[in-house]
Amino acid sequence: MGDLGRTLREAREQAGLSLASMAKRTGYSRGYIGNVETGVRAVTPDVIKKYESVLGEDLKRRQLLLGTVSALAAGAAPDTAASIANDINGGRTGMLTGIQTTHATDRAVASLVARNTPSVASLAKWTRSGKALLRVNAAGILAKVGSPTLDNEAVSVLQADAEVRELYLTAVLHRVLGLDWDAAANLAASPEPFSPDQLRLIQGELSNRNDGGARYSSVLLLARSQRSEPGVTAALLSALRSETSRENLRAIGAALAGVNPLKI
């Protein structure tokens, strides 16, 4: 049985639904659902959306979504990204309202919508309206277009929206430190400083040219340890010379001045 199918099966069983009931609710046949869950057929973005629609919040959402979407991004990112980009180009939020997309998927989507002005405008609008998942996904895609102007837009959202900021910080720690989602969320919410090894990995995000939001997140995270770790100040000074986003420059300047970047 494939890992993705197993995750879907466990989520269905946790919700107390039989194969027949899931088939009826999703519109797929019982045999098709069974084949997906046992790995005979591939898990697709459409299947994930249908499971999301049926199971809603009452499941291990992070295990289902992060597990399946991460694997899809690794194994079939072009198809997944194209599906999401197609929705955005049509003015539809689609999967962005049901899952927190991965770094790799966001980058792929950003490359597909970057030159489509209406799509960029839709993403900018979605960063400030709707569910937190939609807001963080829209900000994440804008932050990976590679435009200082759009970096400013994304960072402004992270600065002002605590719910989106928590999700973004969690995603960065999940990816960079290799933590499971819950551990990353706990670490993101903790005021405690990081270990030297963790600091080294987080400092690497200061030069992540592919994600203005990750650069901002790294400034927030590193600011916790600046007073106790001289190397953090050196890393922030180096980032100050290369950063292209005005909002990120403000955050770095605040951190170097010993001011919480969230207070500026």
C-alpha atoms as a PDB file:
ATOM      1  CA  MET A   1       0.000   0.000   0.000  1.00  0.00           C
ATOM      2  CA  GLY A   2       1.358   3.459  -0.901  1.00  0.00           C
ATOM      3  CA  ASP A   3       1.995   5.961   1.868  1.00  0.00           C
ATOM      4  CA  LEU A   4      -0.406   8.488   0.365  1.00  0.00           C
ATOM      5  CA  GLY A   5      -3.207   5.981   0.028  1.00  0.00           C
ATOM      6  CA  ARG A   6      -2.595   4.746   3.562  1.00  0.00           C
ATOM      7  CA  THR A   7      -2.882   8.292   4.885  1.00  0.00           C
ATOM      8  CA  LEU A   8      -6.187   8.779   3.074  1.00  0.00           C
ATOM      9  CA  ARG A   9      -7.503   5.486   4.399  1.00  0.00           C
ATOM     10  CA  GLU A  10      -6.520   6.340   7.970  1.00  0.00           C
ATOM     11  CA  ALA A  11      -8.193   9.738   7.675  1.00  0.00           C
ATOM     12  CA  ARG A  12     -11.386   8.134   6.367  1.00  0.00           C
ATOM     13  CA  GLU A  13     -11.415   5.510   9.097  1.00  0.00           C
ATOM     14  CA  GLN A  14     -10.812   8.128  11.790  1.00  0.00           C
ATOM     15  CA  ALA A  15     -13.919   9.894  10.531  1.00  0.00           C
ATOM     16  CA  GLY A  16     -15.886   6.624  10.852  1.00  0.00           C
ATOM     17  CA  LEU A  17     -16.687   6.340   7.161  1.00  0.00           C
ATOM     18  CA  SER A  18     -16.819   3.110   5.172  1.00  0.00           C
ATOM     19  CA  LEU A  19     -15.484   2.802   1.640  1.00  0.00           C
ATOM     20  CA  ALA A  20     -19.036   2.716   0.337  1.00  0.00           C
ATOM     21  CA  SER A  21     -19.953   5.865   2.246  1.00  0.00           C
ATOM     22  CA  MET A  22     -16.836   7.691   1.056  1.00  0.00           C
ATOM     23  CA  ALA A  23     -17.534   6.623  -2.525  1.00  0.00           C
ATOM     24  CA  LYS A  24     -21.082   7.968  -2.310  1.00  0.00           C
ATOM     25  CA  ARG A  25     -19.942  11.286  -0.861  1.00  0.00           C
ATOM     26  CA  THR A  26     -17.071  11.872  -3.266  1.00  0.00           C
ATOM     27  CA  GLY A  27     -18.782  10.665  -6.421  1.00  0.00           C
ATOM     28  CA  TYR A  28     -16.095   8.060  -7.102  1.00  0.00           C
ATOM     29  CA  SER A  29     -16.840   4.365  -7.272  1.00  0.00           C
ATOM     30  CA  ARG A  30     -16.134   2.154  -4.271  1.00  0.00           C
ATOM     31  CA  GLY A  31     -13.584   0.240  -6.330  1.00  0.00           C
ATOM     32  CA  TYR A  32     -11.758   3.397  -7.392  1.00  0.00           C
ATOM     33  CA  ILE A  33     -11.532   4.674  -3.815  1.00  0.00           C
ATOM     34  CA  GLY A  34     -10.307   1.288  -2.649  1.00  0.00           C
ATOM     35  CA  ASN A  35      -7.642   1.219  -5.362  1.00  0.00           C
ATOM     36  CA  VAL A  36      -6.435   4.709  -4.438  1.00  0.00           C
ATOM     37  CA  GLU A  37      -6.176   3.832  -0.767  1.00  0.00           C
ATOM     38  CA  THR A  38      -4.282   0.596  -1.476  1.00  0.00           C
ATOM     39  CA  GLY A  39      -1.884   2.240  -3.921  1.00  0.00           C
ATOM     40  CA  VAL A  40      -3.180   0.544  -7.063  1.00  0.00           C
ATOM     41  CA  ARG A  41      -4.193   3.958  -8.401  1.00  0.00           C
ATOM     42  CA  ALA A  42      -2.314   7.204  -7.827  1.00  0.00           C
ATOM     43  CA  VAL A  43      -3.505   9.875  -5.423  1.00  0.00           C
ATOM     44  CA  THR A  44      -4.367  13.003  -7.414  1.00  0.00           C
ATOM     45  CA  PRO A  45      -5.106  16.615  -6.415  1.00  0.00           C
ATOM     46  CA  ASP A  46      -8.780  16.004  -7.265  1.00  0.00           C
ATOM     47  CA  VAL A  47      -8.921  13.054  -4.879  1.00  0.00           C
ATOM     48  CA  ILE A  48      -7.374  15.152  -2.126  1.00  0.00           C
ATOM     49  CA  LYS A  49      -9.932  17.904  -2.727  1.00  0.00           C
ATOM     50  CA  LYS A  50     -12.799  15.417  -2.516  1.00  0.00           C
ATOM     51  CA  TYR A  51     -11.488  13.909   0.729  1.00  0.00           C
ATOM     52  CA  GLU A  52     -11.049  17.423   2.102  1.00  0.00           C
ATOM     53  CA  SER A  53     -14.617  18.288   1.200  1.00  0.00           C
ATOM     54  CA  VAL A  54     -15.996  15.196   2.918  1.00  0.00           C
ATOM     55  CA  LEU A  55     -13.731  15.014   5.970  1.00  0.00           C
ATOM     56  CA  GLY A  56     -13.372  18.724   6.666  1.00  0.00           C
ATOM     57  CA  GLU A  57     -11.644  19.643   9.892  1.00  0.00           C
ATOM     58  CA  ASP A  58     -12.304  16.377  11.725  1.00  0.00           C
ATOM     59  CA  LEU A  59      -9.116  14.527  10.900  1.00  0.00           C
ATOM     60  CA  LYS A  60      -5.363  14.783  11.231  1.00  0.00           C
ATOM     61  CA  ARG A  61      -5.392  17.546   8.647  1.00  0.00           C
ATOM     62  CA  ARG A  62      -1.679  18.101   8.752  1.00  0.00           C
ATOM     63  CA  GLN A  63      -0.858  14.458   8.263  1.00  0.00           C
ATOM     64  CA  LEU A  64      -3.274  14.187   5.373  1.00  0.00           C
ATOM     65  CA  LEU A  65      -2.506  17.438   3.643  1.00  0.00           C
ATOM     66  CA  LEU A  66       1.179  17.897   4.289  1.00  0.00           C
ATOM     67  CA  GLY A  67       1.883  14.238   3.667  1.00  0.00           C
ATOM     68  CA  THR A  68      -0.065  13.941   0.448  1.00  0.00           C
ATOM     69  CA  VAL A  69       0.698  17.350  -0.977  1.00  0.00           C
ATOM     70  CA  SER A  70       4.416  17.127  -0.158  1.00  0.00           C
ATOM     71  CA  ALA A  71       4.630  13.819  -1.956  1.00  0.00           C
ATOM     72  CA  LEU A  72       2.624  15.119  -4.874  1.00  0.00           C
ATOM     73  CA  ALA A  73       4.895  18.151  -5.080  1.00  0.00           C
ATOM     74  CA  ALA A  74       7.959  15.948  -5.077  1.00  0.00           C
ATOM     75  CA  GLY A  75       6.623  13.432  -7.570  1.00  0.00           C
ATOM     76  CA  ALA A  76       4.237  15.387  -9.766  1.00  0.00           C
ATOM     77  CA  ALA A  77       4.795  19.076  -9.070  1.00  0.00           C
ATOM     78  CA  PRO A  78       4.126  20.210 -12.666  1.00  0.00           C
ATOM     79  CA  ASP A  79       0.639  18.646 -12.690  1.00  0.00           C
ATOM     80  CA  THR A  80      -0.225  19.874  -9.206  1.00  0.00           C
ATOM     81  CA  ALA A  81       1.124  23.360  -9.855  1.00  0.00           C
ATOM     82  CA  ALA A  82      -0.610  23.558 -13.226  1.00  0.00           C
ATOM     83  CA  SER A  83      -3.933  22.640 -11.634  1.00  0.00           C
ATOM     84  CA  ILE A  84      -3.540  25.322  -8.960  1.00  0.00           C
ATOM     85  CA  ALA A  85      -2.301  27.924 -11.455  1.00  0.00           C
ATOM     86  CA  ASN A  86      -5.213  27.180 -13.755  1.00  0.00           C
ATOM     87  CA  ASP A  87      -7.627  27.870 -10.907  1.00  0.00           C
ATOM     88  CA  ILE A  88      -5.857  31.121 -10.061  1.00  0.00           C
ATOM     89  CA  ASN A  89      -5.867  32.246 -13.677  1.00  0.00           C
ATOM     90  CA  GLY A  90      -9.613  31.632 -13.706  1.00  0.00           C
ATOM     91  CA  GLY A  91     -10.138  33.642 -10.531  1.00  0.00           C
ATOM     92  CA  ARG A  92     -10.884  30.511  -8.497  1.00  0.00           C
ATOM     93  CA  THR A  93      -9.285  29.793  -5.127  1.00  0.00           C
ATOM     94  CA  GLY A  94      -9.525  26.008  -5.658  1.00  0.00           C
ATOM     95  CA  MET A  95      -7.089  23.950  -3.593  1.00  0.00           C
ATOM     96  CA  LEU A  96      -5.684  27.067  -1.917  1.00  0.00           C
ATOM     97  CA  THR A  97      -8.589  27.111   0.526  1.00  0.00           C
ATOM     98  CA  GLY A  98      -8.168  23.521   1.694  1.00  0.00           C
ATOM     99  CA  ILE A  99      -4.440  22.845   2.012  1.00  0.00           C
ATOM    100  CA  GLN A 100      -1.267  24.664   2.963  1.00  0.00           C
ATOM    101  CA  THR A 101       0.794  24.176  -0.140  1.00  0.00           C
ATOM    102  CA  THR A 102       4.475  23.284   0.001  1.00  0.00           C
ATOM    103  CA  HIS A 103       7.476  25.466  -0.780  1.00  0.00           C
ATOM    104  CA  ALA A 104       8.133  23.492  -3.983  1.00  0.00           C
ATOM    105  CA  THR A 105       4.532  23.765  -5.150  1.00  0.00           C
ATOM    106  CA  ASP A 106       4.411  27.497  -4.407  1.00  0.00           C
ATOM    107  CA  ARG A 107       7.560  28.049  -6.467  1.00  0.00           C
ATOM    108  CA  ALA A 108       6.143  26.088  -9.378  1.00  0.00           C
ATOM    109  CA  VAL A 109       2.819  27.959  -9.225  1.00  0.00           C
ATOM    110  CA  ALA A 110       4.613  31.312  -8.954  1.00  0.00           C
ATOM    111  CA  SER A 111       6.539  30.594 -12.133  1.00  0.00           C
ATOM    112  CA  LEU A 112       3.260  29.932 -13.956  1.00  0.00           C
ATOM    113  CA  VAL A 113       1.329  33.001 -12.800  1.00  0.00           C
ATOM    114  CA  ALA A 114       4.098  35.610 -12.441  1.00  0.00           C
ATOM    115  CA  ARG A 115       3.388  37.284 -15.782  1.00  0.00           C
ATOM    116  CA  ASN A 116      -0.380  37.129 -15.492  1.00  0.00           C
ATOM    117  CA  THR A 117      -1.369  40.474 -13.993  1.00  0.00           C
ATOM    118  CA  PRO A 118      -4.975  39.474 -13.130  1.00  0.00           C
ATOM    119  CA  SER A 119      -3.698  36.341 -11.357  1.00  0.00           C
ATOM    120  CA  VAL A 120      -1.208  38.336  -9.313  1.00  0.00           C
ATOM    121  CA  ALA A 121      -3.985  40.783  -8.447  1.00  0.00           C
ATOM    122  CA  SER A 122      -6.206  37.904  -7.318  1.00  0.00           C
ATOM    123  CA  LEU A 123      -3.451  36.531  -5.101  1.00  0.00           C
ATOM    124  CA  ALA A 124      -2.853  39.962  -3.579  1.00  0.00           C
ATOM    125  CA  LYS A 125      -6.576  40.253  -2.820  1.00  0.00           C
ATOM    126  CA  TRP A 126      -6.705  36.767  -1.302  1.00  0.00           C
ATOM    127  CA  THR A 127      -3.836  37.548   1.079  1.00  0.00           C
ATOM    128  CA  ARG A 128      -6.232  39.813   2.958  1.00  0.00           C
ATOM    129  CA  SER A 129      -9.531  37.961   2.795  1.00  0.00           C
ATOM    130  CA  GLY A 130     -11.014  34.528   3.390  1.00  0.00           C
ATOM    131  CA  LYS A 131      -9.679  31.598   5.375  1.00  0.00           C
ATOM    132  CA  ALA A 132      -6.202  31.633   6.887  1.00  0.00           C
ATOM    133  CA  LEU A 133      -5.119  28.832   4.539  1.00  0.00           C
ATOM    134  CA  LEU A 134      -6.081  30.920   1.526  1.00  0.00           C
ATOM    135  CA  ARG A 135      -4.298  33.972   2.911  1.00  0.00           C
ATOM    136  CA  VAL A 136      -1.067  32.121   3.708  1.00  0.00           C
ATOM    137  CA  ASN A 137      -1.043  30.242   0.394  1.00  0.00           C
ATOM    138  CA  ALA A 138      -1.593  33.437  -1.591  1.00  0.00           C
ATOM    139  CA  ALA A 139       1.167  35.193   0.341  1.00  0.00           C
ATOM    140  CA  GLY A 140       3.468  32.205  -0.128  1.00  0.00           C
ATOM    141  CA  ILE A 141       3.051  32.232  -3.897  1.00  0.00           C
ATOM    142  CA  LEU A 142       3.566  35.997  -4.156  1.00  0.00           C
ATOM    143  CA  ALA A 143       6.710  35.711  -2.029  1.00  0.00           C
ATOM    144  CA  LYS A 144       8.207  33.289  -4.564  1.00  0.00           C
ATOM    145  CA  VAL A 145       7.635  35.299  -7.743  1.00  0.00           C
ATOM    146  CA  GLY A 146      11.004  37.027  -7.278  1.00  0.00           C
ATOM    147  CA  SER A 147       9.702  40.598  -7.329  1.00  0.00           C
ATOM    148  CA  PRO A 148      10.742  43.041  -4.564  1.00  0.00           C
ATOM    149  CA  THR A 149       7.328  44.687  -4.882  1.00  0.00           C
ATOM    150  CA  LEU A 150       5.498  41.400  -4.350  1.00  0.00           C
ATOM    151  CA  ASP A 151       7.924  40.474  -1.580  1.00  0.00           C
ATOM    152  CA  ASN A 152       6.847  43.702   0.134  1.00  0.00           C
ATOM    153  CA  GLU A 153       3.208  42.720  -0.299  1.00  0.00           C
ATOM    154  CA  ALA A 154       3.743  39.252   1.164  1.00  0.00           C
ATOM    155  CA  VAL A 155       5.877  40.477   4.068  1.00  0.00           C
ATOM    156  CA  SER A 156       3.328  43.179   4.909  1.00  0.00           C
ATOM    157  CA  VAL A 157       0.742  40.427   5.280  1.00  0.00           C
ATOM    158  CA  LEU A 158       3.044  38.358   7.494  1.00  0.00           C
ATOM    159  CA  GLN A 159       3.756  41.427   9.598  1.00  0.00           C
ATOM    160  CA  ALA A 160       0.092  42.295  10.142  1.00  0.00           C
ATOM    161  CA  ASP A 161      -1.673  38.920  10.160  1.00  0.00           C
ATOM    162  CA  ALA A 162      -0.696  36.806  13.185  1.00  0.00           C
ATOM    163  CA  GLU A 163      -2.568  33.732  11.971  1.00  0.00           C
ATOM    164  CA  VAL A 164      -0.846  33.749   8.591  1.00  0.00           C
ATOM    165  CA  ARG A 165       2.510  34.493  10.211  1.00  0.00           C
ATOM    166  CA  GLU A 166       2.190  31.466  12.517  1.00  0.00           C
ATOM    167  CA  LEU A 167       1.433  29.180   9.578  1.00  0.00           C
ATOM    168  CA  TYR A 168       4.317  30.581   7.537  1.00  0.00           C
ATOM    169  CA  LEU A 169       6.836  30.314  10.375  1.00  0.00           C
ATOM    170  CA  THR A 170       5.697  26.752  11.007  1.00  0.00           C
ATOM    171  CA  ALA A 171       6.126  25.854   7.340  1.00  0.00           C
ATOM    172  CA  VAL A 172       9.635  27.333   7.257  1.00  0.00           C
ATOM    173  CA  LEU A 173      10.730  25.404  10.364  1.00  0.00           C
ATOM    174  CA  HIS A 174       9.057  22.236   9.054  1.00  0.00           C
ATOM    175  CA  ARG A 175      11.031  22.503   5.811  1.00  0.00           C
ATOM    176  CA  VAL A 176      14.356  23.873   7.047  1.00  0.00           C
ATOM    177  CA  LEU A 177      14.778  21.904  10.273  1.00  0.00           C
ATOM    178  CA  GLY A 178      13.057  18.728   9.059  1.00  0.00           C
ATOM    179  CA  LEU A 179      10.564  18.730  11.945  1.00  0.00           C
ATOM    180  CA  ASP A 180       7.101  17.236  11.864  1.00  0.00           C
ATOM    181  CA  TRP A 181       4.337  19.815  11.639  1.00  0.00           C
ATOM    182  CA  ASP A 182       3.306  19.833  15.292  1.00  0.00           C
ATOM    183  CA  ALA A 183       6.903  20.136  16.515  1.00  0.00           C
ATOM    184  CA  ALA A 184       7.513  22.969  14.045  1.00  0.00           C
ATOM    185  CA  ALA A 185       4.353  24.764  15.207  1.00  0.00           C
ATOM    186  CA  ASN A 186       5.400  24.464  18.853  1.00  0.00           C
ATOM    187  CA  LEU A 187       8.868  25.782  18.075  1.00  0.00           C
ATOM    188  CA  ALA A 188       7.457  28.668  16.037  1.00  0.00           C
ATOM    189  CA  ALA A 189       5.282  29.730  18.982  1.00  0.00           C
ATOM    190  CA  SER A 190       8.043  29.356  21.579  1.00  0.00           C
ATOM    191  CA  PRO A 191      10.147  32.369  22.678  1.00  0.00           C
ATOM    192  CA  GLU A 192      13.112  30.112  23.434  1.00  0.00           C
ATOM    193  CA  PRO A 193      16.374  30.573  21.455  1.00  0.00           C
ATOM    194  CA  PHE A 194      17.514  27.962  18.970  1.00  0.00           C
ATOM    195  CA  SER A 195      20.400  25.530  19.180  1.00  0.00           C
ATOM    196  CA  PRO A 196      23.589  26.356  17.218  1.00  0.00           C
ATOM    197  CA  ASP A 197      22.748  23.765  14.555  1.00  0.00           C
ATOM    198  CA  GLN A 198      19.232  25.128  14.179  1.00  0.00           C
ATOM    199  CA  LEU A 199      20.558  28.677  13.950  1.00  0.00           C
ATOM    200  CA  ARG A 200      22.940  27.687  11.169  1.00  0.00           C
ATOM    201  CA  LEU A 201      20.079  26.255   9.114  1.00  0.00           C
ATOM    202  CA  ILE A 202      17.780  29.209   9.760  1.00  0.00           C
ATOM    203  CA  GLN A 203      20.543  31.677   8.835  1.00  0.00           C
ATOM    204  CA  GLY A 204      20.687  30.011   5.446  1.00  0.00           C
ATOM    205  CA  GLU A 205      17.166  31.270   4.759  1.00  0.00           C
ATOM    206  CA  LEU A 206      18.371  34.887   4.941  1.00  0.00           C
ATOM    207  CA  SER A 207      19.799  34.372   1.465  1.00  0.00           C
ATOM    208  CA  ASN A 208      16.887  32.362   0.056  1.00  0.00           C
ATOM    209  CA  ARG A 209      16.350  34.310  -3.167  1.00  0.00           C
ATOM    210  CA  ASN A 210      13.347  32.141  -3.993  1.00  0.00           C
ATOM    211  CA  ASP A 211      11.199  33.159  -1.012  1.00  0.00           C
ATOM    212  CA  GLY A 212      10.907  36.669   0.389  1.00  0.00           C
ATOM    213  CA  GLY A 213       8.571  35.374   3.087  1.00  0.00           C
ATOM    214  CA  ALA A 214      11.141  32.820   4.250  1.00  0.00           C
ATOM    215  CA  ARG A 215      13.746  35.579   4.483  1.00  0.00           C
ATOM    216  CA  TYR A 216      11.395  37.610   6.663  1.00  0.00           C
ATOM    217  CA  SER A 217      10.561  34.558   8.768  1.00  0.00           C
ATOM    218  CA  SER A 218      14.242  33.863   9.320  1.00  0.00           C
ATOM    219  CA  VAL A 219      14.743  37.417  10.607  1.00  0.00           C
ATOM    220  CA  LEU A 220      11.934  36.960  13.136  1.00  0.00           C
ATOM    221  CA  LEU A 221      13.314  33.603  14.252  1.00  0.00           C
ATOM    222  CA  LEU A 222      16.938  34.730  14.472  1.00  0.00           C
ATOM    223  CA  ALA A 223      16.005  37.812  16.480  1.00  0.00           C
ATOM    224  CA  ARG A 224      15.275  35.467  19.411  1.00  0.00           C
ATOM    225  CA  SER A 225      18.929  34.488  19.678  1.00  0.00           C
ATOM    226  CA  GLN A 226      20.677  37.669  18.589  1.00  0.00           C
ATOM    227  CA  ARG A 227      21.792  38.777  22.044  1.00  0.00           C
ATOM    228  CA  SER A 228      23.273  35.404  22.960  1.00  0.00           C
ATOM    229  CA  GLU A 229      24.743  34.447  19.574  1.00  0.00           C
ATOM    230  CA  PRO A 230      27.163  36.948  17.966  1.00  0.00           C
ATOM    231  CA  GLY A 231      27.000  35.038  14.709  1.00  0.00           C
ATOM    232  CA  VAL A 232      23.383  36.093  14.269  1.00  0.00           C
ATOM    233  CA  THR A 233      24.354  39.768  14.104  1.00  0.00           C
ATOM    234  CA  ALA A 234      26.980  39.019  11.461  1.00  0.00           C
ATOM    235  CA  ALA A 235      24.416  37.072   9.409  1.00  0.00           C
ATOM    236  CA  LEU A 236      21.874  39.890   9.638  1.00  0.00           C
ATOM    237  CA  LEU A 237      24.483  42.477   8.601  1.00  0.00           C
ATOM    238  CA  SER A 238      25.359  40.362   5.580  1.00  0.00           C
ATOM    239  CA  ALA A 239      21.667  40.042   4.685  1.00  0.00           C
ATOM    240  CA  LEU A 240      21.256  43.802   4.990  1.00  0.00           C
ATOM    241  CA  ARG A 241      23.696  44.273   2.097  1.00  0.00           C
ATOM    242  CA  SER A 242      21.922  41.883  -0.248  1.00  0.00           C
ATOM    243  CA  GLU A 243      18.224  42.205   0.596  1.00  0.00           C
ATOM    244  CA  THR A 244      16.031  43.767  -2.117  1.00  0.00           C
ATOM    245  CA  SER A 245      12.692  44.013  -0.288  1.00  0.00           C
ATOM    246  CA  ARG A 246      11.991  47.252   1.567  1.00  0.00           C
ATOM    247  CA  GLU A 247       9.880  45.482   4.189  1.00  0.00           C
ATOM    248  CA  ASN A 248      12.560  42.875   4.809  1.00  0.00           C
ATOM    249  CA  LEU A 249      15.165  45.618   5.146  1.00  0.00           C
ATOM    250  CA  ARG A 250      13.020  47.275   7.807  1.00  0.00           C
ATOM    251  CA  ALA A 251      12.746  43.989   9.704  1.00  0.00           C
ATOM    252  CA  ILE A 252      16.505  43.372   9.526  1.00  0.00           C
ATOM    253  CA  GLY A 253      17.233  46.920  10.674  1.00  0.00           C
ATOM    254  CA  ALA A 254      14.899  46.539  13.631  1.00  0.00           C
ATOM    255  CA  ALA A 255      16.495  43.243  14.650  1.00  0.00           C
ATOM    256  CA  LEU A 256      19.982  44.755  14.462  1.00  0.00           C
ATOM    257  CA  ALA A 257      18.797  47.627  16.651  1.00  0.00           C
ATOM    258  CA  GLY A 258      17.543  45.164  19.242  1.00  0.00           C
ATOM    259  CA  VAL A 259      13.895  45.925  18.465  1.00  0.00           C
ATOM    260  CA  ASN A 260      11.316  43.225  17.882  1.00  0.00           C
ATOM    261  CA  PRO A 261      10.595  43.418  14.109  1.00  0.00           C
ATOM    262  CA  LEU A 262       6.912  42.906  14.868  1.00  0.00           C
ATOM    263  CA  LYS A 263       6.866  46.192  16.807  1.00  0.00           C
ATOM    264  CA  ILE A 264       7.884  48.453  13.927  1.00  0.00           C
END
